[in-house]
Amino acid sequence: MNQTIDLNAELREWLGQRLSETLGDNPKNIHKLYFDIRETNADIFRIIYDYQVLRQWPSVDANTATVLGVERSTIWRRIVKKIT
């Protein structure tokens, strides 16, 4: 079966659940959260890229660009260039 997995939908669902668990109905609980979106963005690039590298898959930068919906040059600037 050829099925596309929507990781965005899964992330939204997971994050919504975690917010409900952490915040509940108490607005003071907002101070219990830390979520640096820039760090998360970098982590997502790195996790998808490294997963493939560890398995020695071909075309890692192109595959990562496809999954993330960005240009291949973005992967090069964000990850490959920083490694070398």
PDB file of N, CA and C in Angstrom:
ATOM      1  N   MET A   1       0.850  -1.181   0.000  1.00  0.00           N
ATOM      2  CA  MET A   1       0.000   0.000   0.000  1.00  0.00           C
ATOM      3  C   MET A   1       0.894   1.242   0.000  1.00  0.00           C
ATOM      4  N   ASN A   2       0.636   2.140  -0.906  1.00  0.00           N
ATOM      5  CA  ASN A   2       1.416   3.363  -1.025  1.00  0.00           C
ATOM      6  C   ASN A   2       0.632   4.502  -0.367  1.00  0.00           C
ATOM      7  N   GLN A   3       0.987   4.809   0.868  1.00  0.00           N
ATOM      8  CA  GLN A   3       0.251   5.813   1.640  1.00  0.00           C
ATOM      9  C   GLN A   3       1.209   6.907   2.086  1.00  0.00           C
ATOM     10  N   THR A   4       0.786   8.138   1.948  1.00  0.00           N
ATOM     11  CA  THR A   4       1.574   9.265   2.425  1.00  0.00           C
ATOM     12  C   THR A   4       1.196   9.544   3.875  1.00  0.00           C
ATOM     13  N   ILE A   5       2.197   9.665   4.719  1.00  0.00           N
ATOM     14  CA  ILE A   5       1.987   9.956   6.133  1.00  0.00           C
ATOM     15  C   ILE A   5       2.129  11.465   6.336  1.00  0.00           C
ATOM     16  N   ASP A   6       1.115  12.088   6.892  1.00  0.00           N
ATOM     17  CA  ASP A   6       1.131  13.535   7.149  1.00  0.00           C
ATOM     18  C   ASP A   6       1.678  13.783   8.548  1.00  0.00           C
ATOM     19  N   LEU A   7       2.974  14.030   8.625  1.00  0.00           N
ATOM     20  CA  LEU A   7       3.597  14.283   9.926  1.00  0.00           C
ATOM     21  C   LEU A   7       3.122  15.594  10.537  1.00  0.00           C
ATOM     22  N   ASN A   8       2.679  16.537   9.713  1.00  0.00           N
ATOM     23  CA  ASN A   8       2.137  17.791  10.251  1.00  0.00           C
ATOM     24  C   ASN A   8       0.897  17.517  11.090  1.00  0.00           C
ATOM     25  N   ALA A   9       0.017  16.681  10.570  1.00  0.00           N
ATOM     26  CA  ALA A   9      -1.215  16.342  11.293  1.00  0.00           C
ATOM     27  C   ALA A   9      -0.878  15.619  12.597  1.00  0.00           C
ATOM     28  N   GLU A  10       0.087  14.708  12.532  1.00  0.00           N
ATOM     29  CA  GLU A  10       0.488  13.982  13.741  1.00  0.00           C
ATOM     30  C   GLU A  10       1.101  14.925  14.776  1.00  0.00           C
ATOM     31  N   LEU A  11       1.905  15.870  14.314  1.00  0.00           N
ATOM     32  CA  LEU A  11       2.506  16.840  15.234  1.00  0.00           C
ATOM     33  C   LEU A  11       1.441  17.720  15.873  1.00  0.00           C
ATOM     34  N   ARG A  12       0.490  18.194  15.058  1.00  0.00           N
ATOM     35  CA  ARG A  12      -0.591  19.025  15.602  1.00  0.00           C
ATOM     36  C   ARG A  12      -1.373  18.271  16.674  1.00  0.00           C
ATOM     37  N   GLU A  13      -1.679  17.011  16.395  1.00  0.00           N
ATOM     38  CA  GLU A  13      -2.428  16.211  17.361  1.00  0.00           C
ATOM     39  C   GLU A  13      -1.624  16.016  18.646  1.00  0.00           C
ATOM     40  N   TRP A  14      -0.358  15.647  18.504  1.00  0.00           N
ATOM     41  CA  TRP A  14       0.498  15.422  19.674  1.00  0.00           C
ATOM     42  C   TRP A  14       0.657  16.710  20.492  1.00  0.00           C
ATOM     43  N   LEU A  15       0.928  17.819  19.803  1.00  0.00           N
ATOM     44  CA  LEU A  15       1.134  19.080  20.504  1.00  0.00           C
ATOM     45  C   LEU A  15      -0.138  19.523  21.219  1.00  0.00           C
ATOM     46  N   GLY A  16      -1.269  19.347  20.574  1.00  0.00           N
ATOM     47  CA  GLY A  16      -2.541  19.677  21.213  1.00  0.00           C
ATOM     48  C   GLY A  16      -2.770  18.863  22.478  1.00  0.00           C
ATOM     49  N   GLN A  17      -2.445  17.581  22.427  1.00  0.00           N
ATOM     50  CA  GLN A  17      -2.585  16.721  23.606  1.00  0.00           C
ATOM     51  C   GLN A  17      -1.650  17.162  24.723  1.00  0.00           C
ATOM     52  N   ARG A  18      -0.409  17.461  24.371  1.00  0.00           N
ATOM     53  CA  ARG A  18       0.570  17.891  25.381  1.00  0.00           C
ATOM     54  C   ARG A  18       0.157  19.220  26.012  1.00  0.00           C
ATOM     55  N   LEU A  19      -0.373  20.130  25.210  1.00  0.00           N
ATOM     56  CA  LEU A  19      -0.842  21.400  25.760  1.00  0.00           C
ATOM     57  C   LEU A  19      -1.987  21.168  26.737  1.00  0.00           C
ATOM     58  N   SER A  20      -2.920  20.305  26.369  1.00  0.00           N
ATOM     59  CA  SER A  20      -4.038  20.000  27.263  1.00  0.00           C
ATOM     60  C   SER A  20      -3.548  19.386  28.563  1.00  0.00           C
ATOM     61  N   GLU A  21      -2.588  18.467  28.470  1.00  0.00           N
ATOM     62  CA  GLU A  21      -2.043  17.820  29.665  1.00  0.00           C
ATOM     63  C   GLU A  21      -1.317  18.816  30.561  1.00  0.00           C
ATOM     64  N   THR A  22      -0.562  19.705  29.959  1.00  0.00           N
ATOM     65  CA  THR A  22       0.270  20.633  30.718  1.00  0.00           C
ATOM     66  C   THR A  22      -0.508  21.835  31.228  1.00  0.00           C
ATOM     67  N   LEU A  23      -1.321  22.413  30.362  1.00  0.00           N
ATOM     68  CA  LEU A  23      -2.004  23.647  30.714  1.00  0.00           C
ATOM     69  C   LEU A  23      -3.327  23.416  31.437  1.00  0.00           C
ATOM     70  N   GLY A  24      -4.040  22.387  31.008  1.00  0.00           N
ATOM     71  CA  GLY A  24      -5.369  22.173  31.585  1.00  0.00           C
ATOM     72  C   GLY A  24      -6.214  23.424  31.393  1.00  0.00           C
ATOM     73  N   ASP A  25      -6.872  23.865  32.447  1.00  0.00           N
ATOM     74  CA  ASP A  25      -7.693  25.076  32.389  1.00  0.00           C
ATOM     75  C   ASP A  25      -7.073  26.223  33.181  1.00  0.00           C
ATOM     76  N   ASN A  26      -5.807  26.080  33.530  1.00  0.00           N
ATOM     77  CA  ASN A  26      -5.141  27.079  34.365  1.00  0.00           C
ATOM     78  C   ASN A  26      -4.167  27.905  33.526  1.00  0.00           C
ATOM     79  N   PRO A  27      -4.483  29.171  33.261  1.00  0.00           N
ATOM     80  CA  PRO A  27      -3.605  30.003  32.438  1.00  0.00           C
ATOM     81  C   PRO A  27      -2.222  30.215  33.061  1.00  0.00           C
ATOM     82  N   LYS A  28      -2.093  30.044  34.359  1.00  0.00           N
ATOM     83  CA  LYS A  28      -0.779  30.198  34.994  1.00  0.00           C
ATOM     84  C   LYS A  28       0.188  29.096  34.577  1.00  0.00           C
ATOM     85  N   ASN A  29      -0.348  27.988  34.099  1.00  0.00           N
ATOM     86  CA  ASN A  29       0.501  26.886  33.662  1.00  0.00           C
ATOM     87  C   ASN A  29       1.286  27.191  32.386  1.00  0.00           C
ATOM     88  N   ILE A  30       0.932  28.268  31.706  1.00  0.00           N
ATOM     89  CA  ILE A  30       1.634  28.636  30.475  1.00  0.00           C
ATOM     90  C   ILE A  30       3.127  28.817  30.735  1.00  0.00           C
ATOM     91  N   HIS A  31       3.486  29.189  31.942  1.00  0.00           N
ATOM     92  CA  HIS A  31       4.892  29.413  32.292  1.00  0.00           C
ATOM     93  C   HIS A  31       5.661  28.117  32.482  1.00  0.00           C
ATOM     94  N   LYS A  32       4.967  26.991  32.423  1.00  0.00           N
ATOM     95  CA  LYS A  32       5.624  25.689  32.504  1.00  0.00           C
ATOM     96  C   LYS A  32       6.168  25.237  31.158  1.00  0.00           C
ATOM     97  N   LEU A  33       5.837  25.977  30.104  1.00  0.00           N
ATOM     98  CA  LEU A  33       6.202  25.563  28.756  1.00  0.00           C
ATOM     99  C   LEU A  33       7.441  26.284  28.246  1.00  0.00           C
ATOM    100  N   TYR A  34       8.228  25.562  27.464  1.00  0.00           N
ATOM    101  CA  TYR A  34       9.334  26.132  26.698  1.00  0.00           C
ATOM    102  C   TYR A  34       9.273  25.511  25.312  1.00  0.00           C
ATOM    103  N   PHE A  35       9.222  26.322  24.289  1.00  0.00           N
ATOM    104  CA  PHE A  35       9.158  25.826  22.920  1.00  0.00           C
ATOM    105  C   PHE A  35       9.793  26.847  22.000  1.00  0.00           C
ATOM    106  N   ASP A  36      11.062  26.651  21.686  1.00  0.00           N
ATOM    107  CA  ASP A  36      11.795  27.550  20.797  1.00  0.00           C
ATOM    108  C   ASP A  36      11.588  27.056  19.369  1.00  0.00           C
ATOM    109  N   ILE A  37      10.782  27.752  18.610  1.00  0.00           N
ATOM    110  CA  ILE A  37      10.411  27.323  17.269  1.00  0.00           C
ATOM    111  C   ILE A  37      11.620  27.277  16.331  1.00  0.00           C
ATOM    112  N   ARG A  38      12.590  28.157  16.525  1.00  0.00           N
ATOM    113  CA  ARG A  38      13.799  28.135  15.688  1.00  0.00           C
ATOM    114  C   ARG A  38      14.607  26.871  15.958  1.00  0.00           C
ATOM    115  N   GLU A  39      14.716  26.512  17.222  1.00  0.00           N
ATOM    116  CA  GLU A  39      15.427  25.284  17.589  1.00  0.00           C
ATOM    117  C   GLU A  39      14.696  24.061  17.034  1.00  0.00           C
ATOM    118  N   THR A  40      13.393  24.077  17.135  1.00  0.00           N
ATOM    119  CA  THR A  40      12.584  22.970  16.634  1.00  0.00           C
ATOM    120  C   THR A  40      12.733  22.836  15.122  1.00  0.00           C
ATOM    121  N   ASN A  41      12.732  23.944  14.433  1.00  0.00           N
ATOM    122  CA  ASN A  41      12.910  23.946  12.987  1.00  0.00           C
ATOM    123  C   ASN A  41      14.244  23.292  12.622  1.00  0.00           C
ATOM    124  N   ALA A  42      15.308  23.695  13.283  1.00  0.00           N
ATOM    125  CA  ALA A  42      16.630  23.122  13.024  1.00  0.00           C
ATOM    126  C   ALA A  42      16.659  21.634  13.368  1.00  0.00           C
ATOM    127  N   ASP A  43      16.009  21.264  14.461  1.00  0.00           N
ATOM    128  CA  ASP A  43      15.958  19.858  14.873  1.00  0.00           C
ATOM    129  C   ASP A  43      15.272  18.994  13.822  1.00  0.00           C
ATOM    130  N   ILE A  44      14.192  19.479  13.258  1.00  0.00           N
ATOM    131  CA  ILE A  44      13.454  18.706  12.264  1.00  0.00           C
ATOM    132  C   ILE A  44      14.314  18.464  11.030  1.00  0.00           C
ATOM    133  N   PHE A  45      14.986  19.493  10.549  1.00  0.00           N
ATOM    134  CA  PHE A  45      15.903  19.326   9.421  1.00  0.00           C
ATOM    135  C   PHE A  45      16.929  18.258   9.750  1.00  0.00           C
ATOM    136  N   ARG A  46      17.547  18.381  10.906  1.00  0.00           N
ATOM    137  CA  ARG A  46      18.636  17.494  11.307  1.00  0.00           C
ATOM    138  C   ARG A  46      18.146  16.054  11.511  1.00  0.00           C
ATOM    139  N   ILE A  47      17.003  15.869  12.140  1.00  0.00           N
ATOM    140  CA  ILE A  47      16.486  14.521  12.408  1.00  0.00           C
ATOM    141  C   ILE A  47      16.214  13.772  11.107  1.00  0.00           C
ATOM    142  N   ILE A  48      15.559  14.433  10.164  1.00  0.00           N
ATOM    143  CA  ILE A  48      15.238  13.778   8.893  1.00  0.00           C
ATOM    144  C   ILE A  48      16.505  13.500   8.098  1.00  0.00           C
ATOM    145  N   TYR A  49      17.423  14.434   8.094  1.00  0.00           N
ATOM    146  CA  TYR A  49      18.690  14.267   7.375  1.00  0.00           C
ATOM    147  C   TYR A  49      19.514  13.138   7.997  1.00  0.00           C
ATOM    148  N   ASP A  50      19.712  13.190   9.302  1.00  0.00           N
ATOM    149  CA  ASP A  50      20.554  12.205   9.981  1.00  0.00           C
ATOM    150  C   ASP A  50      19.990  10.790   9.910  1.00  0.00           C
ATOM    151  N   TYR A  51      18.668  10.657   9.931  1.00  0.00           N
ATOM    152  CA  TYR A  51      18.042   9.346   9.820  1.00  0.00           C
ATOM    153  C   TYR A  51      18.536   8.634   8.559  1.00  0.00           C
ATOM    154  N   GLN A  52      18.580   9.374   7.472  1.00  0.00           N
ATOM    155  CA  GLN A  52      19.013   8.801   6.196  1.00  0.00           C
ATOM    156  C   GLN A  52      20.514   8.547   6.157  1.00  0.00           C
ATOM    157  N   VAL A  53      21.278   9.479   6.704  1.00  0.00           N
ATOM    158  CA  VAL A  53      22.737   9.333   6.712  1.00  0.00           C
ATOM    159  C   VAL A  53      23.146   8.086   7.491  1.00  0.00           C
ATOM    160  N   LEU A  54      22.545   7.876   8.646  1.00  0.00           N
ATOM    161  CA  LEU A  54      22.869   6.712   9.469  1.00  0.00           C
ATOM    162  C   LEU A  54      22.592   5.400   8.742  1.00  0.00           C
ATOM    163  N   ARG A  55      21.646   5.413   7.834  1.00  0.00           N
ATOM    164  CA  ARG A  55      21.295   4.210   7.080  1.00  0.00           C
ATOM    165  C   ARG A  55      21.973   4.169   5.718  1.00  0.00           C
ATOM    166  N   GLN A  56      22.809   5.158   5.464  1.00  0.00           N
ATOM    167  CA  GLN A  56      23.581   5.274   4.226  1.00  0.00           C
ATOM    168  C   GLN A  56      22.693   5.252   2.977  1.00  0.00           C
ATOM    169  N   TRP A  57      21.581   5.977   3.058  1.00  0.00           N
ATOM    170  CA  TRP A  57      20.685   6.076   1.917  1.00  0.00           C
ATOM    171  C   TRP A  57      21.268   7.038   0.884  1.00  0.00           C
ATOM    172  N   PRO A  58      20.945   6.848  -0.387  1.00  0.00           N
ATOM    173  CA  PRO A  58      21.420   7.779  -1.416  1.00  0.00           C
ATOM    174  C   PRO A  58      20.592   9.062  -1.437  1.00  0.00           C
ATOM    175  N   SER A  59      21.154  10.106  -1.996  1.00  0.00           N
ATOM    176  CA  SER A  59      20.453  11.373  -2.240  1.00  0.00           C
ATOM    177  C   SER A  59      19.808  11.958  -0.995  1.00  0.00           C
ATOM    178  N   VAL A  60      20.543  11.973   0.088  1.00  0.00           N
ATOM    179  CA  VAL A  60      19.999  12.425   1.369  1.00  0.00           C
ATOM    180  C   VAL A  60      19.513  13.862   1.307  1.00  0.00           C
ATOM    181  N   ASP A  61      20.299  14.752   0.739  1.00  0.00           N
ATOM    182  CA  ASP A  61      19.883  16.157   0.700  1.00  0.00           C
ATOM    183  C   ASP A  61      18.652  16.350  -0.175  1.00  0.00           C
ATOM    184  N   ALA A  62      18.584  15.662  -1.306  1.00  0.00           N
ATOM    185  CA  ALA A  62      17.411  15.775  -2.181  1.00  0.00           C
ATOM    186  C   ALA A  62      16.172  15.177  -1.513  1.00  0.00           C
ATOM    187  N   ASN A  63      16.334  14.029  -0.874  1.00  0.00           N
ATOM    188  CA  ASN A  63      15.198  13.404  -0.180  1.00  0.00           C
ATOM    189  C   ASN A  63      14.694  14.284   0.952  1.00  0.00           C
ATOM    190  N   THR A  64      15.612  14.852   1.713  1.00  0.00           N
ATOM    191  CA  THR A  64      15.233  15.718   2.826  1.00  0.00           C
ATOM    192  C   THR A  64      14.479  16.935   2.313  1.00  0.00           C
ATOM    193  N   ALA A  65      14.959  17.508   1.227  1.00  0.00           N
ATOM    194  CA  ALA A  65      14.289  18.665   0.621  1.00  0.00           C
ATOM    195  C   ALA A  65      12.871  18.302   0.189  1.00  0.00           C
ATOM    196  N   THR A  66      12.700  17.124  -0.383  1.00  0.00           N
ATOM    197  CA  THR A  66      11.377  16.676  -0.827  1.00  0.00           C
ATOM    198  C   THR A  66      10.430  16.533   0.360  1.00  0.00           C
ATOM    199  N   VAL A  67      10.884  15.857   1.412  1.00  0.00           N
ATOM    200  CA  VAL A  67      10.042  15.641   2.591  1.00  0.00           C
ATOM    201  C   VAL A  67       9.629  16.968   3.214  1.00  0.00           C
ATOM    202  N   LEU A  68      10.569  17.901   3.309  1.00  0.00           N
ATOM    203  CA  LEU A  68      10.310  19.170   3.981  1.00  0.00           C
ATOM    204  C   LEU A  68       9.691  20.229   3.067  1.00  0.00           C
ATOM    205  N   GLY A  69       9.624  19.946   1.777  1.00  0.00           N
ATOM    206  CA  GLY A  69       9.021  20.901   0.849  1.00  0.00           C
ATOM    207  C   GLY A  69       9.841  22.160   0.665  1.00  0.00           C
ATOM    208  N   VAL A  70      11.165  21.990   0.656  1.00  0.00           N
ATOM    209  CA  VAL A  70      12.069  23.120   0.451  1.00  0.00           C
ATOM    210  C   VAL A  70      12.995  22.805  -0.716  1.00  0.00           C
ATOM    211  N   GLU A  71      13.736  23.803  -1.142  1.00  0.00           N
ATOM    212  CA  GLU A  71      14.712  23.605  -2.210  1.00  0.00           C
ATOM    213  C   GLU A  71      15.904  22.816  -1.679  1.00  0.00           C
ATOM    214  N   ARG A  72      16.528  22.069  -2.571  1.00  0.00           N
ATOM    215  CA  ARG A  72      17.718  21.296  -2.187  1.00  0.00           C
ATOM    216  C   ARG A  72      18.820  22.217  -1.663  1.00  0.00           C
ATOM    217  N   SER A  73      18.918  23.399  -2.226  1.00  0.00           N
ATOM    218  CA  SER A  73      19.944  24.353  -1.778  1.00  0.00           C
ATOM    219  C   SER A  73      19.722  24.756  -0.318  1.00  0.00           C
ATOM    220  N   THR A  74      18.475  24.739   0.128  1.00  0.00           N
ATOM    221  CA  THR A  74      18.188  25.045   1.532  1.00  0.00           C
ATOM    222  C   THR A  74      18.799  23.987   2.427  1.00  0.00           C
ATOM    223  N   ILE A  75      18.692  22.731   2.047  1.00  0.00           N
ATOM    224  CA  ILE A  75      19.298  21.645   2.820  1.00  0.00           C
ATOM    225  C   ILE A  75      20.805  21.818   2.830  1.00  0.00           C
ATOM    226  N   TRP A  76      21.357  22.159   1.705  1.00  0.00           N
ATOM    227  CA  TRP A  76      22.802  22.365   1.617  1.00  0.00           C
ATOM    228  C   TRP A  76      23.255  23.465   2.581  1.00  0.00           C
ATOM    229  N   ARG A  77      22.555  24.585   2.576  1.00  0.00           N
ATOM    230  CA  ARG A  77      22.925  25.696   3.462  1.00  0.00           C
ATOM    231  C   ARG A  77      22.696  25.360   4.929  1.00  0.00           C
ATOM    232  N   ARG A  78      21.602  24.684   5.241  1.00  0.00           N
ATOM    233  CA  ARG A  78      21.230  24.423   6.630  1.00  0.00           C
ATOM    234  C   ARG A  78      22.039  23.297   7.271  1.00  0.00           C
ATOM    235  N   ILE A  79      22.409  22.292   6.480  1.00  0.00           N
ATOM    236  CA  ILE A  79      23.010  21.106   7.068  1.00  0.00           C
ATOM    237  C   ILE A  79      24.364  20.768   6.473  1.00  0.00           C
ATOM    238  N   VAL A  80      24.394  20.497   5.191  1.00  0.00           N
ATOM    239  CA  VAL A  80      25.607  19.981   4.558  1.00  0.00           C
ATOM    240  C   VAL A  80      26.757  20.951   4.706  1.00  0.00           C
ATOM    241  N   LYS A  81      26.542  22.217   4.459  1.00  0.00           N
ATOM    242  CA  LYS A  81      27.593  23.216   4.544  1.00  0.00           C
ATOM    243  C   LYS A  81      28.143  23.339   5.965  1.00  0.00           C
ATOM    244  N   LYS A  82      27.305  23.146   6.974  1.00  0.00           N
ATOM    245  CA  LYS A  82      27.740  23.264   8.368  1.00  0.00           C
ATOM    246  C   LYS A  82      28.575  22.073   8.816  1.00  0.00           C
ATOM    247  N   ILE A  83      28.419  20.921   8.147  1.00  0.00           N
ATOM    248  CA  ILE A  83      29.156  19.718   8.499  1.00  0.00           C
ATOM    249  C   ILE A  83      30.603  19.828   8.053  1.00  0.00           C
ATOM    250  N   THR A  84      30.811  20.380   6.851  1.00  0.00           N
ATOM    251  CA  THR A  84      32.156  20.432   6.268  1.00  0.00           C
ATOM    252  C   THR A  84      32.906  21.667   6.689  1.00  0.00           C
TER     253      THR A  84
END
